[in-house]
Amino acid sequence: MSNIAKYSDQTFESIKHVNEFGQEYWFARELQSILEYIQWRRFHETIERAKLACMNSGYKAEDHFADVGKMVAIGSGTERTIDDIMLSRYACYLIVMNGDPRKEVIAVGQTYFAVKTRQQELIENYEQLSEDQKRLAIRNEMIAHNKSLAQAAQMAGVETPQEYAVFQNRGYQGLYGGLGMRDIH
């Protein structure tokens, strides 16, 4: 497993919380631990740089960084409130981008967020398309997948048009519960 997959699957997403409205959020204290910051003071400096980046990007910091208190046990059955911050995904992204680049987890996190950001952009772009544009986009994607499948079939020994037709028909049967091309067209 790559470091990026390990970071995304086992680390960042594991501390994600979801409120009653389905909105994702993270707690800064939990993120601090994952990003290997020992002192809150040092991590808080990174958060402040991230807030500044947020504001310089034209967003309201309070929309992405919400100050909250958190009860923690201090021994003898007593608790006290410590400062924490509820973070949006964008806030986490900014924190990682402003983190200490000497830390491997920060470097991996920066790559993780670059990939996730691109995935989200693609999803948002797709959602803005008309139905005809969506069908065309799906069709173009299917063309690319079919070309890849044809190359894989050729590498597996499928050479003649008849062999390729059998290969295609077996694919239909696998997808459509045993129905061949003639049965579904």
C-alpha atoms as a PDB file:
ATOM      1  CA  MET A   1       0.000   0.000   0.000  1.00  0.00           C
ATOM      2  CA  SER A   2       1.367   3.426  -0.895  1.00  0.00           C
ATOM      3  CA  ASN A   3       1.879   6.046   1.773  1.00  0.00           C
ATOM      4  CA  ILE A   4      -0.863   8.139   0.150  1.00  0.00           C
ATOM      5  CA  ALA A   5      -3.402   5.309   0.363  1.00  0.00           C
ATOM      6  CA  LYS A   6      -2.349   4.587   3.944  1.00  0.00           C
ATOM      7  CA  TYR A   7      -2.755   8.237   4.888  1.00  0.00           C
ATOM      8  CA  SER A   8      -6.123   8.689   3.208  1.00  0.00           C
ATOM      9  CA  ASP A   9      -7.745   5.395   4.140  1.00  0.00           C
ATOM     10  CA  GLN A  10      -6.388   4.766   7.592  1.00  0.00           C
ATOM     11  CA  THR A  11      -5.634   8.164   8.968  1.00  0.00           C
ATOM     12  CA  PHE A  12      -7.444  11.282   7.813  1.00  0.00           C
ATOM     13  CA  GLU A  13     -10.808   9.690   7.074  1.00  0.00           C
ATOM     14  CA  SER A  14     -10.714   7.744  10.345  1.00  0.00           C
ATOM     15  CA  ILE A  15     -11.018  10.959  12.386  1.00  0.00           C
ATOM     16  CA  LYS A  16     -13.790  12.456  10.266  1.00  0.00           C
ATOM     17  CA  HIS A  17     -17.053  13.232  12.035  1.00  0.00           C
ATOM     18  CA  VAL A  18     -20.446  13.805  10.408  1.00  0.00           C
ATOM     19  CA  ASN A  19     -23.125  15.978  11.985  1.00  0.00           C
ATOM     20  CA  GLU A  20     -26.883  15.402  11.856  1.00  0.00           C
ATOM     21  CA  PHE A  21     -27.060  17.325   8.552  1.00  0.00           C
ATOM     22  CA  GLY A  22     -24.517  15.052   6.865  1.00  0.00           C
ATOM     23  CA  GLN A  23     -21.748  17.662   6.960  1.00  0.00           C
ATOM     24  CA  GLU A  24     -18.206  16.417   7.477  1.00  0.00           C
ATOM     25  CA  TYR A  25     -15.924  17.970  10.062  1.00  0.00           C
ATOM     26  CA  TRP A  26     -12.717  17.231  11.927  1.00  0.00           C
ATOM     27  CA  PHE A  27     -11.320  18.278  15.305  1.00  0.00           C
ATOM     28  CA  ALA A  28      -7.991  20.073  15.329  1.00  0.00           C
ATOM     29  CA  ARG A  29      -6.733  18.143  18.367  1.00  0.00           C
ATOM     30  CA  GLU A  30      -7.245  14.851  16.531  1.00  0.00           C
ATOM     31  CA  LEU A  31      -5.624  16.219  13.375  1.00  0.00           C
ATOM     32  CA  GLN A  32      -2.705  17.479  15.469  1.00  0.00           C
ATOM     33  CA  SER A  33      -1.934  13.943  16.560  1.00  0.00           C
ATOM     34  CA  ILE A  34      -2.141  12.528  13.045  1.00  0.00           C
ATOM     35  CA  LEU A  35       0.126  15.257  11.689  1.00  0.00           C
ATOM     36  CA  GLU A  36       2.655  14.416  14.395  1.00  0.00           C
ATOM     37  CA  TYR A  37       2.640  17.766  16.175  1.00  0.00           C
ATOM     38  CA  ILE A  38       3.504  17.204  19.819  1.00  0.00           C
ATOM     39  CA  GLN A  39       2.732  20.697  21.132  1.00  0.00           C
ATOM     40  CA  TRP A  40      -0.639  22.396  20.656  1.00  0.00           C
ATOM     41  CA  ARG A  41       1.136  25.755  20.556  1.00  0.00           C
ATOM     42  CA  ARG A  42       3.170  24.741  17.462  1.00  0.00           C
ATOM     43  CA  PHE A  43       0.142  23.246  15.770  1.00  0.00           C
ATOM     44  CA  HIS A  44      -1.941  26.316  16.591  1.00  0.00           C
ATOM     45  CA  GLU A  45       0.647  28.450  14.737  1.00  0.00           C
ATOM     46  CA  THR A  46       0.044  26.283  11.671  1.00  0.00           C
ATOM     47  CA  ILE A  47      -3.713  26.738  12.107  1.00  0.00           C
ATOM     48  CA  GLU A  48      -3.280  30.514  12.253  1.00  0.00           C
ATOM     49  CA  ARG A  49      -1.315  30.445   8.965  1.00  0.00           C
ATOM     50  CA  ALA A  50      -4.096  28.327   7.460  1.00  0.00           C
ATOM     51  CA  LYS A  51      -6.736  30.827   8.650  1.00  0.00           C
ATOM     52  CA  LEU A  52      -4.776  33.646   7.031  1.00  0.00           C
ATOM     53  CA  ALA A  53      -4.579  31.679   3.779  1.00  0.00           C
ATOM     54  CA  CYS A  54      -8.335  31.118   3.998  1.00  0.00           C
ATOM     55  CA  MET A  55      -9.051  34.833   4.407  1.00  0.00           C
ATOM     56  CA  ASN A  56      -6.567  35.757   1.660  1.00  0.00           C
ATOM     57  CA  SER A  57      -8.467  33.396  -0.634  1.00  0.00           C
ATOM     58  CA  GLY A  58     -11.648  35.383  -0.066  1.00  0.00           C
ATOM     59  CA  TYR A  59     -13.348  33.023   2.376  1.00  0.00           C
ATOM     60  CA  LYS A  60     -14.474  33.673   5.928  1.00  0.00           C
ATOM     61  CA  ALA A  61     -12.214  31.815   8.346  1.00  0.00           C
ATOM     62  CA  GLU A  62     -15.093  31.303  10.782  1.00  0.00           C
ATOM     63  CA  ASP A  63     -16.931  29.271   8.117  1.00  0.00           C
ATOM     64  CA  HIS A  64     -14.115  26.713   8.132  1.00  0.00           C
ATOM     65  CA  PHE A  65     -12.509  27.070  11.593  1.00  0.00           C
ATOM     66  CA  ALA A  66     -15.047  27.016  14.454  1.00  0.00           C
ATOM     67  CA  ASP A  67     -13.662  27.437  17.976  1.00  0.00           C
ATOM     68  CA  VAL A  68     -15.125  24.884  20.390  1.00  0.00           C
ATOM     69  CA  GLY A  69     -14.389  23.589  23.858  1.00  0.00           C
ATOM     70  CA  LYS A  70     -13.745  19.958  24.580  1.00  0.00           C
ATOM     71  CA  MET A  71     -13.982  18.181  27.933  1.00  0.00           C
ATOM     72  CA  VAL A  72     -10.983  16.034  28.830  1.00  0.00           C
ATOM     73  CA  ALA A  73     -10.276  13.911  31.879  1.00  0.00           C
ATOM     74  CA  ILE A  74      -7.438  15.230  34.037  1.00  0.00           C
ATOM     75  CA  GLY A  75      -7.403  12.514  36.670  1.00  0.00           C
ATOM     76  CA  SER A  76      -9.296  11.648  39.823  1.00  0.00           C
ATOM     77  CA  GLY A  77     -12.522  11.575  37.825  1.00  0.00           C
ATOM     78  CA  THR A  78     -12.415  15.317  37.109  1.00  0.00           C
ATOM     79  CA  GLU A  79     -12.605  17.009  33.758  1.00  0.00           C
ATOM     80  CA  ARG A  80     -11.698  20.372  32.336  1.00  0.00           C
ATOM     81  CA  THR A  81     -12.400  22.204  29.110  1.00  0.00           C
ATOM     82  CA  ILE A  82      -9.627  22.635  26.568  1.00  0.00           C
ATOM     83  CA  ASP A  83      -9.676  24.660  23.373  1.00  0.00           C
ATOM     84  CA  ASP A  84     -10.326  22.802  20.151  1.00  0.00           C
ATOM     85  CA  ILE A  85     -11.397  23.775  16.660  1.00  0.00           C
ATOM     86  CA  MET A  86     -13.968  22.161  14.376  1.00  0.00           C
ATOM     87  CA  LEU A  87     -12.533  22.107  10.867  1.00  0.00           C
ATOM     88  CA  SER A  88     -14.036  21.787   7.423  1.00  0.00           C
ATOM     89  CA  ARG A  89     -12.278  19.645   4.815  1.00  0.00           C
ATOM     90  CA  TYR A  90     -11.007  22.893   3.292  1.00  0.00           C
ATOM     91  CA  ALA A  91      -9.568  23.953   6.660  1.00  0.00           C
ATOM     92  CA  CYS A  92      -7.783  20.601   6.982  1.00  0.00           C
ATOM     93  CA  TYR A  93      -6.418  21.083   3.485  1.00  0.00           C
ATOM     94  CA  LEU A  94      -5.093  24.532   4.369  1.00  0.00           C
ATOM     95  CA  ILE A  95      -3.549  23.239   7.600  1.00  0.00           C
ATOM     96  CA  VAL A  96      -1.725  20.459   5.765  1.00  0.00           C
ATOM     97  CA  MET A  97      -0.582  22.875   3.055  1.00  0.00           C
ATOM     98  CA  ASN A  98       0.807  25.195   5.740  1.00  0.00           C
ATOM     99  CA  GLY A  99       2.328  22.399   7.822  1.00  0.00           C
ATOM    100  CA  ASP A 100       5.970  21.538   8.393  1.00  0.00           C
ATOM    101  CA  PRO A 101       7.150  20.075   5.048  1.00  0.00           C
ATOM    102  CA  ARG A 102       9.964  18.185   6.795  1.00  0.00           C
ATOM    103  CA  LYS A 103       7.360  15.785   8.192  1.00  0.00           C
ATOM    104  CA  GLU A 104       6.652  12.848   5.881  1.00  0.00           C
ATOM    105  CA  VAL A 105       3.000  12.795   6.935  1.00  0.00           C
ATOM    106  CA  ILE A 106       2.667  16.443   5.807  1.00  0.00           C
ATOM    107  CA  ALA A 107       4.204  15.673   2.405  1.00  0.00           C
ATOM    108  CA  VAL A 108       1.922  12.663   1.980  1.00  0.00           C
ATOM    109  CA  GLY A 109      -1.045  14.716   3.199  1.00  0.00           C
ATOM    110  CA  GLN A 110      -0.334  17.429   0.647  1.00  0.00           C
ATOM    111  CA  THR A 111      -0.439  14.831  -2.109  1.00  0.00           C
ATOM    112  CA  TYR A 112      -3.611  13.312  -0.656  1.00  0.00           C
ATOM    113  CA  PHE A 113      -5.392  16.657  -0.683  1.00  0.00           C
ATOM    114  CA  ALA A 114      -4.200  17.457  -4.200  1.00  0.00           C
ATOM    115  CA  VAL A 115      -5.747  14.188  -5.407  1.00  0.00           C
ATOM    116  CA  LYS A 116      -8.977  14.668  -3.413  1.00  0.00           C
ATOM    117  CA  THR A 117      -9.315  18.267  -4.619  1.00  0.00           C
ATOM    118  CA  ARG A 118      -9.006  17.161  -8.245  1.00  0.00           C
ATOM    119  CA  GLN A 119     -11.583  14.407  -7.707  1.00  0.00           C
ATOM    120  CA  GLN A 120     -14.015  16.927  -6.223  1.00  0.00           C
ATOM    121  CA  GLU A 121     -13.460  19.343  -9.115  1.00  0.00           C
ATOM    122  CA  LEU A 122     -14.276  16.580 -11.579  1.00  0.00           C
ATOM    123  CA  ILE A 123     -17.438  15.662  -9.667  1.00  0.00           C
ATOM    124  CA  GLU A 124     -18.580  19.294  -9.522  1.00  0.00           C
ATOM    125  CA  ASN A 125     -17.838  19.816 -13.213  1.00  0.00           C
ATOM    126  CA  TYR A 126     -19.829  16.687 -14.068  1.00  0.00           C
ATOM    127  CA  GLU A 127     -22.809  17.803 -11.992  1.00  0.00           C
ATOM    128  CA  GLN A 128     -22.974  21.084 -13.929  1.00  0.00           C
ATOM    129  CA  LEU A 129     -23.332  19.336 -17.280  1.00  0.00           C
ATOM    130  CA  SER A 130     -26.635  19.019 -19.124  1.00  0.00           C
ATOM    131  CA  GLU A 131     -28.091  15.524 -19.526  1.00  0.00           C
ATOM    132  CA  ASP A 132     -26.806  15.330 -23.122  1.00  0.00           C
ATOM    133  CA  GLN A 133     -23.336  16.423 -22.017  1.00  0.00           C
ATOM    134  CA  LYS A 134     -23.382  13.800 -19.241  1.00  0.00           C
ATOM    135  CA  ARG A 135     -24.345  11.078 -21.724  1.00  0.00           C
ATOM    136  CA  LEU A 136     -21.548  12.202 -24.051  1.00  0.00           C
ATOM    137  CA  ALA A 137     -19.027  12.251 -21.189  1.00  0.00           C
ATOM    138  CA  ILE A 138     -20.065   8.739 -20.128  1.00  0.00           C
ATOM    139  CA  ARG A 139     -19.914   7.546 -23.738  1.00  0.00           C
ATOM    140  CA  ASN A 140     -16.391   8.961 -24.152  1.00  0.00           C
ATOM    141  CA  GLU A 141     -15.337   7.270 -20.929  1.00  0.00           C
ATOM    142  CA  MET A 142     -16.805   3.975 -22.163  1.00  0.00           C
ATOM    143  CA  ILE A 143     -14.894   4.325 -25.446  1.00  0.00           C
ATOM    144  CA  ALA A 144     -11.655   4.687 -23.500  1.00  0.00           C
ATOM    145  CA  HIS A 145     -12.511   1.665 -21.312  1.00  0.00           C
ATOM    146  CA  ASN A 146     -13.482  -0.429 -24.344  1.00  0.00           C
ATOM    147  CA  LYS A 147     -10.162   0.397 -26.037  1.00  0.00           C
ATOM    148  CA  SER A 148      -8.347  -0.657 -22.888  1.00  0.00           C
ATOM    149  CA  LEU A 149     -10.404  -3.854 -22.728  1.00  0.00           C
ATOM    150  CA  ALA A 150      -9.648  -4.621 -26.393  1.00  0.00           C
ATOM    151  CA  GLN A 151      -5.927  -4.201 -25.726  1.00  0.00           C
ATOM    152  CA  ALA A 152      -6.157  -6.526 -22.726  1.00  0.00           C
ATOM    153  CA  ALA A 153      -8.043  -9.092 -24.821  1.00  0.00           C
ATOM    154  CA  GLN A 154      -5.401  -8.895 -27.542  1.00  0.00           C
ATOM    155  CA  MET A 155      -2.633  -9.376 -24.974  1.00  0.00           C
ATOM    156  CA  ALA A 156      -4.537 -12.419 -23.672  1.00  0.00           C
ATOM    157  CA  GLY A 157      -4.541 -14.013 -27.133  1.00  0.00           C
ATOM    158  CA  VAL A 158      -7.792 -12.791 -28.714  1.00  0.00           C
ATOM    159  CA  GLU A 159      -6.784 -12.121 -32.338  1.00  0.00           C
ATOM    160  CA  THR A 160      -9.474 -12.793 -34.927  1.00  0.00           C
ATOM    161  CA  PRO A 161     -12.749 -10.901 -35.320  1.00  0.00           C
ATOM    162  CA  GLN A 162     -14.629 -14.096 -34.426  1.00  0.00           C
ATOM    163  CA  GLU A 163     -12.639 -14.525 -31.200  1.00  0.00           C
ATOM    164  CA  TYR A 164     -13.254 -10.897 -30.339  1.00  0.00           C
ATOM    165  CA  ALA A 165     -17.011 -11.329 -30.967  1.00  0.00           C
ATOM    166  CA  VAL A 166     -17.076 -14.327 -28.609  1.00  0.00           C
ATOM    167  CA  PHE A 167     -15.091 -12.324 -26.055  1.00  0.00           C
ATOM    168  CA  GLN A 168     -17.571  -9.411 -26.283  1.00  0.00           C
ATOM    169  CA  ASN A 169     -20.559 -11.745 -26.017  1.00  0.00           C
ATOM    170  CA  ARG A 170     -19.099 -13.405 -22.903  1.00  0.00           C
ATOM    171  CA  GLY A 171     -18.748  -9.921 -21.436  1.00  0.00           C
ATOM    172  CA  TYR A 172     -22.432  -9.236 -22.103  1.00  0.00           C
ATOM    173  CA  GLN A 173     -23.366 -12.560 -20.524  1.00  0.00           C
ATOM    174  CA  GLY A 174     -21.376 -11.679 -17.441  1.00  0.00           C
ATOM    175  CA  LEU A 175     -23.024  -8.275 -17.157  1.00  0.00           C
ATOM    176  CA  TYR A 176     -26.583  -9.289 -18.016  1.00  0.00           C
ATOM    177  CA  GLY A 177     -27.143 -12.535 -16.117  1.00  0.00           C
ATOM    178  CA  GLY A 178     -26.301 -14.894 -18.958  1.00  0.00           C
ATOM    179  CA  LEU A 179     -28.033 -12.923 -21.717  1.00  0.00           C
ATOM    180  CA  GLY A 180     -25.969 -12.553 -24.885  1.00  0.00           C
ATOM    181  CA  MET A 181     -25.786  -9.634 -27.297  1.00  0.00           C
ATOM    182  CA  ARG A 182     -28.795 -10.812 -29.336  1.00  0.00           C
ATOM    183  CA  ASP A 183     -30.869 -11.202 -26.170  1.00  0.00           C
ATOM    184  CA  ILE A 184     -30.311  -7.646 -24.969  1.00  0.00           C
ATOM    185  CA  HIS A 185     -30.374  -5.739 -28.284  1.00  0.00           C
END
